[in-house]
N, C-alpha and C. Protein backbone atom coordinates (compact mmCIF):
# COMPACT_ATOMS: atom_id res chain seq x y z
N UNK A 1 2.27 -15.00 12.07
CA UNK A 1 1.98 -13.79 11.33
C UNK A 1 0.49 -13.72 11.09
N UNK A 2 -0.06 -12.50 11.30
CA UNK A 2 -1.51 -12.32 11.13
C UNK A 2 -1.71 -10.97 10.44
N UNK A 3 -2.61 -10.99 9.40
CA UNK A 3 -2.97 -9.71 8.74
C UNK A 3 -4.45 -9.45 8.91
N UNK A 4 -4.70 -8.20 9.48
CA UNK A 4 -6.10 -7.71 9.59
C UNK A 4 -6.21 -6.53 8.59
N UNK A 5 -7.28 -6.62 7.83
CA UNK A 5 -7.60 -5.56 6.83
C UNK A 5 -8.76 -4.76 7.36
N UNK A 6 -8.49 -3.41 7.44
CA UNK A 6 -9.48 -2.52 8.01
C UNK A 6 -9.85 -1.51 6.82
N UNK A 7 -11.12 -1.47 6.45
CA UNK A 7 -11.51 -0.52 5.40
C UNK A 7 -11.87 0.85 6.01
N UNK A 8 -11.35 1.81 5.50
CA UNK A 8 -11.49 3.19 6.16
C UNK A 8 -11.85 4.24 5.12
N UNK A 9 -12.53 5.20 5.58
CA UNK A 9 -12.67 6.46 4.82
C UNK A 9 -13.65 6.34 3.61
N UNK A 10 -13.93 7.44 3.00
CA UNK A 10 -14.89 7.46 1.94
C UNK A 10 -14.55 6.59 0.71
N UNK A 11 -13.22 6.37 0.48
CA UNK A 11 -12.84 5.52 -0.61
C UNK A 11 -12.77 3.99 -0.29
N UNK A 12 -13.15 3.72 0.94
CA UNK A 12 -13.08 2.33 1.49
C UNK A 12 -11.76 1.72 1.18
N UNK A 13 -10.72 2.44 1.56
CA UNK A 13 -9.39 1.91 1.40
C UNK A 13 -8.98 0.83 2.36
N UNK A 14 -8.21 -0.05 2.01
CA UNK A 14 -7.77 -1.13 2.84
C UNK A 14 -6.49 -0.71 3.59
N UNK A 15 -6.58 -0.57 4.89
CA UNK A 15 -5.34 -0.40 5.70
C UNK A 15 -5.09 -1.80 6.26
N UNK A 16 -3.91 -2.23 6.17
CA UNK A 16 -3.56 -3.60 6.61
C UNK A 16 -2.70 -3.48 7.89
N UNK A 17 -3.18 -4.23 8.87
CA UNK A 17 -2.39 -4.29 10.20
C UNK A 17 -1.71 -5.70 10.15
N UNK A 18 -0.37 -5.60 10.14
CA UNK A 18 0.40 -6.81 9.97
C UNK A 18 1.02 -7.13 11.37
N UNK A 19 0.77 -8.24 11.96
CA UNK A 19 1.13 -8.59 13.31
C UNK A 19 2.09 -9.78 13.29
N UNK A 20 3.20 -9.63 13.90
CA UNK A 20 4.10 -10.74 14.18
C UNK A 20 3.66 -11.20 15.61
N UNK A 21 2.87 -12.38 15.62
CA UNK A 21 2.36 -12.83 16.94
C UNK A 21 3.43 -13.23 17.90
N UNK A 22 4.55 -13.79 17.40
CA UNK A 22 5.61 -14.25 18.27
C UNK A 22 6.29 -13.12 18.98
N UNK A 23 6.62 -12.04 18.24
CA UNK A 23 7.28 -10.90 18.90
C UNK A 23 6.33 -9.84 19.46
N UNK A 24 5.08 -10.01 19.08
CA UNK A 24 4.00 -9.09 19.48
C UNK A 24 4.38 -7.67 19.09
N UNK A 25 4.73 -7.56 17.87
CA UNK A 25 4.93 -6.33 17.11
C UNK A 25 4.15 -6.21 15.86
N UNK A 26 3.89 -4.99 15.49
CA UNK A 26 3.03 -4.82 14.26
C UNK A 26 3.39 -3.61 13.43
N UNK A 27 2.90 -3.59 12.24
CA UNK A 27 3.05 -2.44 11.41
C UNK A 27 1.72 -2.09 10.80
N UNK A 28 1.53 -0.84 10.35
CA UNK A 28 0.35 -0.45 9.59
C UNK A 28 0.86 -0.20 8.17
N UNK A 29 0.13 -0.82 7.19
CA UNK A 29 0.38 -0.50 5.80
C UNK A 29 -0.75 0.39 5.31
N UNK A 30 -0.30 1.56 4.75
CA UNK A 30 -1.25 2.50 4.18
C UNK A 30 -2.44 2.93 5.01
N UNK A 31 -2.15 3.54 6.21
CA UNK A 31 -3.22 4.04 6.98
C UNK A 31 -3.87 5.31 6.32
N UNK A 32 -5.05 5.01 5.74
CA UNK A 32 -5.57 6.06 4.85
C UNK A 32 -6.50 6.98 5.42
N UNK A 33 -7.25 6.74 6.58
CA UNK A 33 -8.23 7.52 7.19
C UNK A 33 -8.56 6.89 8.55
N UNK A 34 -9.38 7.63 9.35
CA UNK A 34 -9.93 7.19 10.55
C UNK A 34 -8.77 6.72 11.58
N UNK A 35 -7.86 7.68 11.88
CA UNK A 35 -6.74 7.27 12.69
C UNK A 35 -7.12 6.70 14.04
N UNK A 36 -8.20 7.20 14.64
CA UNK A 36 -8.64 6.68 15.99
C UNK A 36 -9.08 5.26 15.80
N UNK A 37 -9.71 4.87 14.80
CA UNK A 37 -10.11 3.51 14.57
C UNK A 37 -8.92 2.60 14.34
N UNK A 38 -7.98 3.07 13.59
CA UNK A 38 -6.75 2.20 13.39
C UNK A 38 -5.96 2.08 14.69
N UNK A 39 -5.84 3.15 15.43
CA UNK A 39 -5.20 3.06 16.74
C UNK A 39 -5.91 2.07 17.67
N UNK A 40 -7.15 2.06 17.61
CA UNK A 40 -7.90 1.12 18.43
C UNK A 40 -7.62 -0.33 17.97
N UNK A 41 -7.44 -0.52 16.67
CA UNK A 41 -7.14 -1.89 16.19
C UNK A 41 -5.70 -2.34 16.55
N UNK A 42 -4.85 -1.34 16.60
CA UNK A 42 -3.49 -1.69 17.14
C UNK A 42 -3.54 -2.06 18.56
N UNK A 43 -4.21 -1.33 19.32
CA UNK A 43 -4.31 -1.65 20.74
C UNK A 43 -4.96 -3.02 20.97
N UNK A 44 -6.11 -3.29 20.27
CA UNK A 44 -6.79 -4.59 20.39
C UNK A 44 -5.90 -5.70 19.86
N UNK A 45 -4.90 -5.45 19.06
CA UNK A 45 -4.06 -6.63 18.63
C UNK A 45 -3.17 -7.13 19.69
N UNK A 46 -2.91 -6.29 20.76
CA UNK A 46 -1.97 -6.66 21.73
C UNK A 46 -0.53 -6.63 21.40
N UNK A 47 -0.32 -5.98 20.24
CA UNK A 47 1.05 -5.88 19.67
C UNK A 47 1.50 -4.40 19.73
N UNK A 48 2.80 -4.18 19.71
CA UNK A 48 3.33 -2.82 19.71
C UNK A 48 3.61 -2.38 18.32
N UNK A 49 3.05 -1.20 18.02
CA UNK A 49 3.18 -0.63 16.61
C UNK A 49 4.74 -0.16 16.50
N UNK A 50 5.31 -0.61 15.39
CA UNK A 50 6.71 -0.31 15.18
C UNK A 50 6.97 0.56 13.97
N UNK A 51 6.12 0.63 13.01
CA UNK A 51 6.24 1.36 11.81
C UNK A 51 5.01 1.55 11.00
N UNK A 52 5.08 2.47 10.11
CA UNK A 52 4.02 2.62 9.05
C UNK A 52 4.75 2.47 7.69
N UNK A 53 4.16 1.63 6.81
CA UNK A 53 4.73 1.39 5.55
C UNK A 53 3.71 1.88 4.49
N UNK A 54 4.23 2.75 3.50
CA UNK A 54 3.40 3.36 2.57
C UNK A 54 3.69 2.71 1.26
N UNK A 55 2.71 2.08 0.60
CA UNK A 55 2.95 1.61 -0.76
C UNK A 55 2.97 2.73 -1.79
N UNK A 56 2.17 3.70 -1.61
CA UNK A 56 2.22 4.91 -2.57
C UNK A 56 1.51 6.00 -1.86
N UNK A 57 1.71 7.20 -2.32
CA UNK A 57 1.33 8.49 -1.57
C UNK A 57 -0.04 9.10 -1.99
N UNK A 58 -0.98 8.34 -2.53
CA UNK A 58 -2.26 8.94 -2.73
C UNK A 58 -2.94 9.15 -1.41
N UNK A 59 -3.84 10.23 -1.41
CA UNK A 59 -4.30 10.72 -0.11
C UNK A 59 -5.11 9.64 0.62
N UNK A 60 -5.85 8.72 -0.17
CA UNK A 60 -6.59 7.74 0.58
C UNK A 60 -5.68 6.66 1.23
N UNK A 61 -4.36 6.76 1.00
CA UNK A 61 -3.45 5.81 1.62
C UNK A 61 -2.60 6.40 2.80
N UNK A 62 -2.62 7.70 2.86
CA UNK A 62 -1.76 8.32 3.83
C UNK A 62 -2.50 9.29 4.74
N UNK A 63 -3.77 9.44 4.60
CA UNK A 63 -4.53 10.46 5.31
C UNK A 63 -4.64 10.26 6.86
N UNK A 64 -4.29 9.08 7.33
CA UNK A 64 -4.36 8.95 8.81
C UNK A 64 -2.96 8.98 9.43
N UNK A 65 -1.94 9.21 8.73
CA UNK A 65 -0.52 9.16 9.25
C UNK A 65 -0.42 10.27 10.33
N UNK A 66 -0.82 11.44 10.14
CA UNK A 66 -0.59 12.51 11.04
C UNK A 66 -1.26 12.26 12.36
N UNK A 67 -2.55 11.71 12.35
CA UNK A 67 -3.26 11.39 13.55
C UNK A 67 -2.57 10.26 14.30
N UNK A 68 -2.05 9.26 13.60
CA UNK A 68 -1.47 8.18 14.26
C UNK A 68 -0.17 8.55 14.94
N UNK A 69 0.67 9.30 14.19
CA UNK A 69 1.97 9.70 14.77
C UNK A 69 1.86 10.60 15.94
N UNK A 70 0.74 11.33 16.12
CA UNK A 70 0.62 12.15 17.27
C UNK A 70 0.47 11.33 18.53
N UNK A 71 -0.06 10.09 18.41
CA UNK A 71 -0.22 9.17 19.48
C UNK A 71 0.94 8.19 19.66
N UNK A 72 1.28 7.70 18.53
CA UNK A 72 2.36 6.59 18.45
C UNK A 72 3.35 7.07 17.38
N UNK A 73 4.43 7.68 17.91
CA UNK A 73 5.38 8.34 16.91
C UNK A 73 6.36 7.32 16.39
N UNK A 74 5.88 6.52 15.51
CA UNK A 74 6.67 5.50 14.81
C UNK A 74 7.15 5.98 13.53
N UNK A 75 8.27 5.47 12.98
CA UNK A 75 8.75 5.87 11.66
C UNK A 75 7.92 5.52 10.54
N UNK A 76 7.85 6.43 9.54
CA UNK A 76 7.11 6.31 8.34
C UNK A 76 8.04 5.89 7.25
N UNK A 77 7.91 4.81 6.56
CA UNK A 77 8.75 4.28 5.48
C UNK A 77 7.94 4.58 4.15
N UNK A 78 8.62 5.27 3.22
CA UNK A 78 8.01 5.69 1.94
C UNK A 78 9.07 5.88 0.91
N UNK A 79 8.69 5.64 -0.39
CA UNK A 79 9.68 5.83 -1.49
C UNK A 79 9.81 7.29 -1.75
N UNK A 80 11.09 7.76 -1.88
CA UNK A 80 11.33 9.20 -2.08
C UNK A 80 10.71 9.74 -3.39
N UNK A 81 10.49 8.83 -4.43
CA UNK A 81 9.93 9.39 -5.69
C UNK A 81 8.46 9.76 -5.54
N UNK A 82 7.83 9.39 -4.41
CA UNK A 82 6.47 9.76 -4.21
C UNK A 82 6.29 11.09 -3.58
N UNK A 83 7.47 11.78 -3.26
CA UNK A 83 7.33 13.09 -2.60
C UNK A 83 6.35 14.12 -3.24
N UNK A 84 6.42 14.28 -4.60
CA UNK A 84 5.51 15.29 -5.15
C UNK A 84 4.03 15.10 -4.81
N UNK A 85 3.58 13.80 -4.59
CA UNK A 85 2.25 13.60 -4.17
C UNK A 85 2.10 13.64 -2.61
N UNK A 86 3.06 13.01 -1.95
CA UNK A 86 2.92 12.90 -0.49
C UNK A 86 2.91 14.40 0.11
N UNK A 87 3.79 15.23 -0.46
CA UNK A 87 3.87 16.58 0.13
C UNK A 87 2.71 17.37 -0.19
N UNK A 88 1.79 16.95 -1.11
CA UNK A 88 0.63 17.71 -1.43
C UNK A 88 -0.68 16.94 -0.98
N UNK A 89 -0.61 16.19 0.14
CA UNK A 89 -1.70 15.42 0.60
C UNK A 89 -2.91 16.32 0.90
N UNK A 90 -2.64 17.51 1.51
CA UNK A 90 -3.69 18.42 1.87
C UNK A 90 -4.40 18.84 0.61
N UNK A 91 -3.70 19.21 -0.49
CA UNK A 91 -4.28 19.63 -1.75
C UNK A 91 -5.02 18.42 -2.42
N UNK A 92 -4.44 17.24 -2.31
CA UNK A 92 -5.18 16.06 -2.86
C UNK A 92 -6.49 15.93 -2.18
N UNK A 93 -6.54 16.06 -0.88
CA UNK A 93 -7.85 15.94 -0.15
C UNK A 93 -8.79 17.03 -0.60
N UNK A 94 -8.42 18.22 -0.75
CA UNK A 94 -9.24 19.23 -1.15
C UNK A 94 -9.90 19.11 -2.54
N UNK A 95 -9.07 18.36 -3.39
CA UNK A 95 -9.54 18.19 -4.78
C UNK A 95 -10.77 17.17 -4.69
N UNK A 96 -10.89 16.38 -3.61
CA UNK A 96 -11.98 15.43 -3.56
C UNK A 96 -12.96 15.93 -2.39
N UNK A 97 -12.80 17.21 -1.94
CA UNK A 97 -13.73 17.68 -1.01
C UNK A 97 -13.50 17.23 0.40
N UNK A 98 -12.31 16.66 0.65
CA UNK A 98 -11.95 16.11 1.98
C UNK A 98 -11.10 16.97 2.82
N UNK A 99 -11.32 16.90 4.10
CA UNK A 99 -10.51 17.62 5.03
C UNK A 99 -9.42 16.71 5.55
N UNK A 100 -8.26 16.85 4.96
CA UNK A 100 -7.16 15.83 5.30
C UNK A 100 -6.02 16.61 6.02
N UNK A 101 -5.47 16.08 7.07
CA UNK A 101 -4.36 16.65 7.80
C UNK A 101 -3.08 16.25 7.00
N UNK A 102 -2.25 17.24 6.66
CA UNK A 102 -0.99 16.95 5.95
C UNK A 102 -0.05 15.98 6.80
N UNK A 103 0.31 14.86 6.37
CA UNK A 103 1.25 14.02 7.22
C UNK A 103 2.67 14.64 7.30
N UNK A 104 3.38 14.28 8.44
CA UNK A 104 4.66 14.85 8.52
C UNK A 104 5.55 14.02 7.46
N UNK A 105 6.73 14.55 7.14
CA UNK A 105 7.55 13.86 6.18
C UNK A 105 7.98 12.43 6.57
N UNK A 106 8.12 11.62 5.56
CA UNK A 106 8.60 10.27 5.93
C UNK A 106 9.86 10.26 6.70
N UNK A 107 10.13 9.21 7.44
CA UNK A 107 11.33 9.17 8.27
C UNK A 107 12.34 8.25 7.59
N UNK A 108 11.96 7.32 6.74
CA UNK A 108 12.94 6.39 6.12
C UNK A 108 12.53 6.20 4.74
N UNK A 109 13.56 6.35 3.82
CA UNK A 109 13.34 6.07 2.36
C UNK A 109 13.29 4.60 2.25
N UNK A 110 12.30 4.14 1.50
CA UNK A 110 12.07 2.71 1.18
C UNK A 110 12.08 2.59 -0.27
N UNK A 111 12.93 1.73 -0.87
CA UNK A 111 13.06 1.59 -2.31
C UNK A 111 13.48 0.20 -2.69
N UNK A 112 13.57 -0.01 -3.98
CA UNK A 112 14.01 -1.31 -4.55
C UNK A 112 15.19 -1.83 -3.85
N UNK A 113 15.08 -3.14 -3.46
CA UNK A 113 16.21 -3.85 -2.83
C UNK A 113 16.27 -3.74 -1.36
N UNK A 114 15.50 -2.87 -0.74
CA UNK A 114 15.42 -2.79 0.67
C UNK A 114 14.67 -3.93 1.31
N UNK A 115 14.91 -4.16 2.54
CA UNK A 115 14.04 -5.03 3.34
C UNK A 115 13.50 -4.34 4.54
N UNK A 116 12.28 -4.64 4.88
CA UNK A 116 11.60 -4.03 6.10
C UNK A 116 11.21 -5.23 6.94
N UNK A 117 11.07 -4.85 8.28
CA UNK A 117 10.90 -5.91 9.18
C UNK A 117 9.66 -5.66 10.12
N UNK A 118 8.98 -6.65 10.47
CA UNK A 118 8.06 -6.65 11.55
C UNK A 118 8.26 -7.84 12.46
N UNK A 119 8.69 -7.60 13.70
CA UNK A 119 9.05 -8.63 14.59
C UNK A 119 10.16 -9.45 14.03
N UNK A 120 9.90 -10.80 13.83
CA UNK A 120 10.87 -11.77 13.34
C UNK A 120 10.89 -11.93 11.77
N UNK A 121 10.03 -11.16 11.10
CA UNK A 121 9.70 -11.43 9.72
C UNK A 121 10.30 -10.25 8.86
N UNK A 122 10.98 -10.56 7.76
CA UNK A 122 11.53 -9.54 6.92
C UNK A 122 10.66 -9.65 5.55
N UNK A 123 10.51 -8.49 4.94
CA UNK A 123 9.80 -8.39 3.70
C UNK A 123 10.71 -7.62 2.62
N UNK A 124 10.64 -7.98 1.41
CA UNK A 124 11.41 -7.35 0.39
C UNK A 124 10.58 -6.20 -0.27
N UNK A 125 11.24 -5.21 -0.78
CA UNK A 125 10.64 -4.11 -1.45
C UNK A 125 11.04 -4.08 -2.87
N UNK A 126 10.10 -3.88 -3.77
CA UNK A 126 10.33 -3.68 -5.19
C UNK A 126 9.68 -2.50 -5.70
N UNK A 127 10.25 -1.75 -6.55
CA UNK A 127 9.71 -0.54 -7.16
C UNK A 127 8.60 -0.96 -8.13
N UNK A 128 7.45 -0.42 -8.07
CA UNK A 128 6.33 -0.69 -9.00
C UNK A 128 5.56 0.48 -9.36
N UNK A 129 6.19 1.57 -10.03
CA UNK A 129 5.51 2.74 -10.37
C UNK A 129 4.44 2.54 -11.49
N UNK A 130 3.70 3.51 -11.73
CA UNK A 130 2.68 3.47 -12.82
C UNK A 130 1.42 3.99 -12.36
N UNK A 131 0.85 3.47 -11.38
CA UNK A 131 -0.42 4.06 -10.83
C UNK A 131 -0.05 5.36 -10.07
N UNK A 132 1.13 5.42 -9.47
CA UNK A 132 1.73 6.63 -8.87
C UNK A 132 3.22 6.50 -8.83
N UNK A 133 3.92 7.69 -8.87
CA UNK A 133 5.37 7.58 -8.68
C UNK A 133 5.64 7.19 -7.24
N UNK A 134 6.77 6.49 -7.11
CA UNK A 134 7.11 6.02 -5.71
C UNK A 134 6.23 4.88 -5.23
N UNK A 135 5.52 4.18 -6.08
CA UNK A 135 4.78 3.01 -5.68
C UNK A 135 5.68 1.84 -5.46
N UNK A 136 5.50 1.09 -4.37
CA UNK A 136 6.33 -0.06 -4.08
C UNK A 136 5.29 -1.25 -3.77
N UNK A 137 5.89 -2.45 -4.00
CA UNK A 137 5.21 -3.66 -3.47
C UNK A 137 6.05 -4.20 -2.37
N UNK A 138 5.46 -4.66 -1.28
CA UNK A 138 6.25 -5.20 -0.11
C UNK A 138 5.76 -6.65 0.00
N UNK A 139 6.71 -7.60 -0.14
CA UNK A 139 6.28 -9.02 -0.30
C UNK A 139 7.29 -9.95 0.48
N UNK A 140 6.72 -11.02 0.94
CA UNK A 140 7.40 -12.04 1.73
C UNK A 140 6.47 -12.89 2.40
N UNK A 141 6.91 -14.09 2.85
CA UNK A 141 6.17 -15.01 3.63
C UNK A 141 4.87 -15.36 3.02
N UNK A 142 4.88 -15.50 1.65
CA UNK A 142 3.63 -16.00 0.99
C UNK A 142 2.60 -14.84 0.73
N UNK A 143 2.97 -13.59 1.04
CA UNK A 143 1.98 -12.48 0.81
C UNK A 143 2.70 -11.30 0.21
N UNK A 144 1.88 -10.40 -0.35
CA UNK A 144 2.36 -9.19 -1.01
C UNK A 144 1.30 -8.06 -0.78
N UNK A 145 1.84 -6.96 -0.31
CA UNK A 145 0.98 -5.74 -0.19
C UNK A 145 1.28 -4.90 -1.44
N UNK A 146 0.30 -4.92 -2.34
CA UNK A 146 0.45 -4.45 -3.69
C UNK A 146 -0.18 -3.07 -3.87
N UNK A 147 -0.62 -2.42 -2.82
CA UNK A 147 -1.23 -1.10 -3.01
C UNK A 147 -2.31 -1.05 -4.01
N UNK A 148 -2.19 -0.14 -4.98
CA UNK A 148 -3.22 0.02 -6.03
C UNK A 148 -2.74 -0.36 -7.38
N UNK A 149 -1.59 -1.18 -7.47
CA UNK A 149 -1.20 -1.77 -8.76
C UNK A 149 -2.15 -2.74 -9.23
N UNK A 150 -2.57 -3.57 -8.36
CA UNK A 150 -3.32 -4.81 -8.80
C UNK A 150 -4.49 -5.08 -7.80
N UNK A 151 -5.70 -5.31 -8.40
CA UNK A 151 -6.83 -5.65 -7.55
C UNK A 151 -7.51 -7.03 -8.05
N UNK A 152 -8.32 -7.54 -7.23
CA UNK A 152 -9.05 -8.70 -7.63
C UNK A 152 -9.95 -8.32 -8.82
N UNK A 153 -9.56 -8.78 -10.03
CA UNK A 153 -10.28 -8.48 -11.24
C UNK A 153 -9.94 -7.19 -12.01
N UNK A 154 -8.93 -6.41 -11.44
CA UNK A 154 -8.73 -5.14 -12.13
C UNK A 154 -7.22 -4.68 -11.82
N UNK A 155 -6.82 -3.48 -12.26
CA UNK A 155 -5.63 -2.86 -12.01
C UNK A 155 -5.78 -1.44 -11.61
N UNK A 156 -4.74 -0.84 -11.15
CA UNK A 156 -4.81 0.61 -10.83
C UNK A 156 -5.00 1.58 -11.96
N UNK A 157 -5.64 2.64 -11.65
CA UNK A 157 -5.96 3.64 -12.60
C UNK A 157 -4.65 4.36 -13.10
N UNK A 158 -4.64 4.69 -14.37
CA UNK A 158 -3.52 5.45 -14.97
C UNK A 158 -3.92 6.83 -15.47
N UNK A 159 -5.06 7.28 -15.09
CA UNK A 159 -5.56 8.61 -15.55
C UNK A 159 -5.44 9.68 -14.50
N UNK A 160 -4.60 9.41 -13.38
CA UNK A 160 -4.50 10.28 -12.32
C UNK A 160 -3.16 11.10 -12.49
N UNK A 161 -3.07 12.25 -11.90
CA UNK A 161 -1.83 13.00 -12.05
C UNK A 161 -0.60 12.22 -11.71
N UNK A 162 0.43 12.28 -12.52
CA UNK A 162 1.67 11.64 -12.45
C UNK A 162 1.71 10.16 -12.67
N UNK A 163 0.53 9.62 -13.09
CA UNK A 163 0.42 8.22 -13.36
C UNK A 163 1.11 7.89 -14.81
N UNK A 164 1.50 6.67 -15.02
CA UNK A 164 2.19 6.29 -16.28
C UNK A 164 1.76 4.89 -16.66
N UNK A 165 0.93 4.79 -17.73
CA UNK A 165 0.40 3.49 -18.15
C UNK A 165 1.56 2.45 -18.50
N UNK A 166 2.68 2.90 -19.21
CA UNK A 166 3.68 2.08 -19.58
C UNK A 166 4.45 1.51 -18.40
N UNK A 167 4.63 2.40 -17.38
CA UNK A 167 5.29 1.92 -16.13
C UNK A 167 4.43 0.95 -15.47
N UNK A 168 3.08 1.13 -15.36
CA UNK A 168 2.24 0.17 -14.73
C UNK A 168 2.31 -1.24 -15.34
N UNK A 169 2.38 -1.22 -16.72
CA UNK A 169 2.49 -2.56 -17.42
C UNK A 169 3.82 -3.29 -16.94
N UNK A 170 4.86 -2.56 -16.90
CA UNK A 170 6.11 -3.19 -16.50
C UNK A 170 6.07 -3.57 -14.96
N UNK A 171 5.41 -2.84 -14.12
CA UNK A 171 5.24 -3.14 -12.70
C UNK A 171 4.46 -4.46 -12.50
N UNK A 172 3.37 -4.53 -13.36
CA UNK A 172 2.52 -5.79 -13.30
C UNK A 172 3.34 -7.00 -13.71
N UNK A 173 4.21 -6.87 -14.77
CA UNK A 173 5.07 -7.95 -15.20
C UNK A 173 6.02 -8.39 -14.04
N UNK A 174 6.42 -7.46 -13.35
CA UNK A 174 7.36 -7.79 -12.11
C UNK A 174 6.51 -8.52 -11.01
N UNK A 175 5.32 -8.00 -10.79
CA UNK A 175 4.48 -8.70 -9.74
C UNK A 175 4.23 -10.09 -10.18
N UNK A 176 4.06 -10.28 -11.53
CA UNK A 176 3.66 -11.66 -11.98
C UNK A 176 4.74 -12.67 -11.93
N UNK A 177 6.04 -12.20 -11.56
CA UNK A 177 7.14 -13.04 -11.32
C UNK A 177 7.14 -13.74 -9.91
N UNK A 178 6.27 -13.19 -9.11
CA UNK A 178 6.08 -13.78 -7.72
C UNK A 178 5.44 -15.15 -7.84
N UNK A 179 5.48 -15.94 -6.85
CA UNK A 179 4.83 -17.22 -6.84
C UNK A 179 3.36 -17.15 -6.97
N UNK A 180 2.78 -18.02 -7.83
CA UNK A 180 1.38 -17.88 -8.06
C UNK A 180 0.50 -18.07 -6.71
N UNK A 181 1.06 -18.71 -5.76
CA UNK A 181 0.33 -18.93 -4.46
C UNK A 181 0.34 -17.65 -3.61
N UNK A 182 1.08 -16.61 -3.93
CA UNK A 182 1.17 -15.43 -3.22
C UNK A 182 -0.24 -14.75 -2.96
N UNK A 183 -0.51 -14.50 -1.66
CA UNK A 183 -1.75 -13.73 -1.38
C UNK A 183 -1.49 -12.35 -1.56
N UNK A 184 -2.38 -11.63 -2.43
CA UNK A 184 -2.26 -10.22 -2.66
C UNK A 184 -3.21 -9.46 -1.83
N UNK A 185 -2.67 -8.57 -1.10
CA UNK A 185 -3.47 -7.65 -0.24
C UNK A 185 -3.33 -6.29 -0.89
N UNK A 186 -4.56 -5.88 -1.54
CA UNK A 186 -4.62 -4.70 -2.37
C UNK A 186 -5.12 -3.45 -1.49
N UNK A 187 -5.04 -2.26 -2.18
CA UNK A 187 -5.52 -1.11 -1.45
C UNK A 187 -7.01 -0.94 -1.39
N UNK A 188 -7.74 -1.72 -2.19
CA UNK A 188 -9.25 -1.78 -2.24
C UNK A 188 -9.72 -3.13 -2.65
N UNK A 189 -10.85 -3.49 -2.08
CA UNK A 189 -11.46 -4.77 -2.44
C UNK A 189 -10.87 -5.92 -1.69
N UNK A 190 -11.24 -7.17 -2.06
CA UNK A 190 -10.83 -8.36 -1.31
C UNK A 190 -9.46 -8.84 -1.64
N UNK A 191 -8.85 -9.55 -0.69
CA UNK A 191 -7.63 -10.28 -0.99
C UNK A 191 -7.83 -11.33 -2.12
N UNK A 192 -6.80 -11.61 -2.78
CA UNK A 192 -6.82 -12.62 -3.85
C UNK A 192 -5.46 -13.26 -3.94
N UNK A 193 -5.22 -14.21 -4.90
CA UNK A 193 -3.95 -14.75 -5.15
C UNK A 193 -3.48 -14.36 -6.52
N UNK A 194 -2.12 -14.39 -6.67
CA UNK A 194 -1.61 -14.06 -7.98
C UNK A 194 -2.02 -15.07 -9.05
N UNK A 195 -2.02 -16.37 -8.65
CA UNK A 195 -2.46 -17.39 -9.63
C UNK A 195 -3.92 -17.10 -10.07
N UNK A 196 -4.74 -16.80 -9.18
CA UNK A 196 -6.17 -16.52 -9.60
C UNK A 196 -6.22 -15.27 -10.53
N UNK A 197 -5.45 -14.35 -10.23
CA UNK A 197 -5.51 -13.12 -11.19
C UNK A 197 -4.89 -13.41 -12.51
N UNK A 198 -3.87 -14.21 -12.54
CA UNK A 198 -3.29 -14.53 -13.87
C UNK A 198 -4.37 -15.25 -14.78
N UNK A 199 -5.23 -16.00 -14.10
CA UNK A 199 -6.28 -16.72 -14.94
C UNK A 199 -7.41 -15.84 -15.23
N UNK A 200 -7.96 -15.04 -14.31
CA UNK A 200 -9.25 -14.37 -14.46
C UNK A 200 -9.12 -12.89 -14.68
N UNK A 201 -8.10 -12.24 -14.36
CA UNK A 201 -7.99 -10.72 -14.45
C UNK A 201 -7.82 -10.45 -15.90
N UNK A 202 -8.67 -9.71 -16.57
CA UNK A 202 -8.49 -9.43 -17.99
C UNK A 202 -7.25 -8.59 -18.33
N UNK A 203 -6.78 -7.90 -17.38
CA UNK A 203 -5.54 -7.03 -17.59
C UNK A 203 -4.29 -7.88 -17.53
N UNK A 204 -4.42 -9.14 -16.89
CA UNK A 204 -3.27 -10.01 -16.81
C UNK A 204 -3.31 -11.11 -17.82
N UNK A 205 -4.50 -11.55 -18.21
CA UNK A 205 -4.62 -12.71 -19.13
C UNK A 205 -4.62 -12.35 -20.65
N UNK A 206 -4.45 -11.08 -20.87
CA UNK A 206 -4.44 -10.58 -22.28
C UNK A 206 -5.73 -10.26 -22.84
N UNK A 207 -6.85 -10.34 -22.16
CA UNK A 207 -8.12 -10.02 -22.70
C UNK A 207 -8.28 -8.38 -22.89
N UNK A 208 -7.75 -7.61 -21.99
CA UNK A 208 -7.84 -6.16 -22.05
C UNK A 208 -6.44 -5.60 -21.93
N UNK A 209 -6.08 -4.53 -22.66
CA UNK A 209 -4.86 -3.88 -22.60
C UNK A 209 -5.05 -2.58 -21.81
N UNK A 210 -4.01 -2.21 -21.16
CA UNK A 210 -3.99 -0.86 -20.44
C UNK A 210 -3.72 0.14 -21.48
N UNK A 211 -4.67 1.11 -21.56
CA UNK A 211 -4.46 2.11 -22.63
C UNK A 211 -3.20 2.99 -22.32
N UNK A 212 -2.41 3.04 -23.35
CA UNK A 212 -1.21 3.80 -23.25
C UNK A 212 0.00 3.00 -22.69
N UNK A 213 -0.33 1.71 -22.47
CA UNK A 213 0.70 0.87 -21.78
C UNK A 213 1.50 0.12 -22.80
N UNK A 214 1.29 0.26 -24.07
CA UNK A 214 2.09 -0.45 -25.02
C UNK A 214 1.51 -1.82 -25.36
C-alpha cells in the first residue's frame, strides 16, 4: 500500500492517491482541483484508477471530479447527506471567485458501516459530520483519511454553511477511538498521527474548546 499526497488548487487541498501495489489498483480521495495533474499522477503510478472517494463535499475537495470522470469514468463514492453542498459545487466556487465545473452526481452512497476497497485492501467508513454534512472518515491498515475534521495542530472550521460545532465535537471523539498509531491524512497540511494530536493539538487535549460545541 502506498499513499501519495498531491496538493492542488488555490486552497492547497490534499488529494490522496492510494495505491494497492500488489493489485496495481488505486483510488483518489478528494480530488479537489487540477484534474490533468491528478490524472498524470494516476498514470505515473502504474495502477488502474478504480474509484473516487469523497470525505466531504466542499468545493476544494470535489472540484476535479468532472474533469477526471471525462477521461476515466470511475464511480464516485460520497455520503448522501452531503448532497446539499455537492449539488451546489458551482455556486460554492463562485462564492470564492473560482470557476469550478459542477461534478456529476455520485454513483455510490457511502455511509456509516460500509467498507470500500482498493485492490486487496478494505477500509471502513464512519460518519463524522460537523465541518460539513455528509463528512466521513475512511480508515484501515493503520491509516485514516480524515478530510477536514482534524489537522496537524487544529480542527475543521465550523463557521461555514451547514457546519455544526456540536457534531464536530462528537466526530472528533469517535476519531479519537482509533489506535494512537493511526496515520492521519488530512485535507490540508502535513500528515500526522492520532497519538501526536492527542498530546499536542489544543482542540483534543482540552486546552481550547470548539465554540458552540458544548
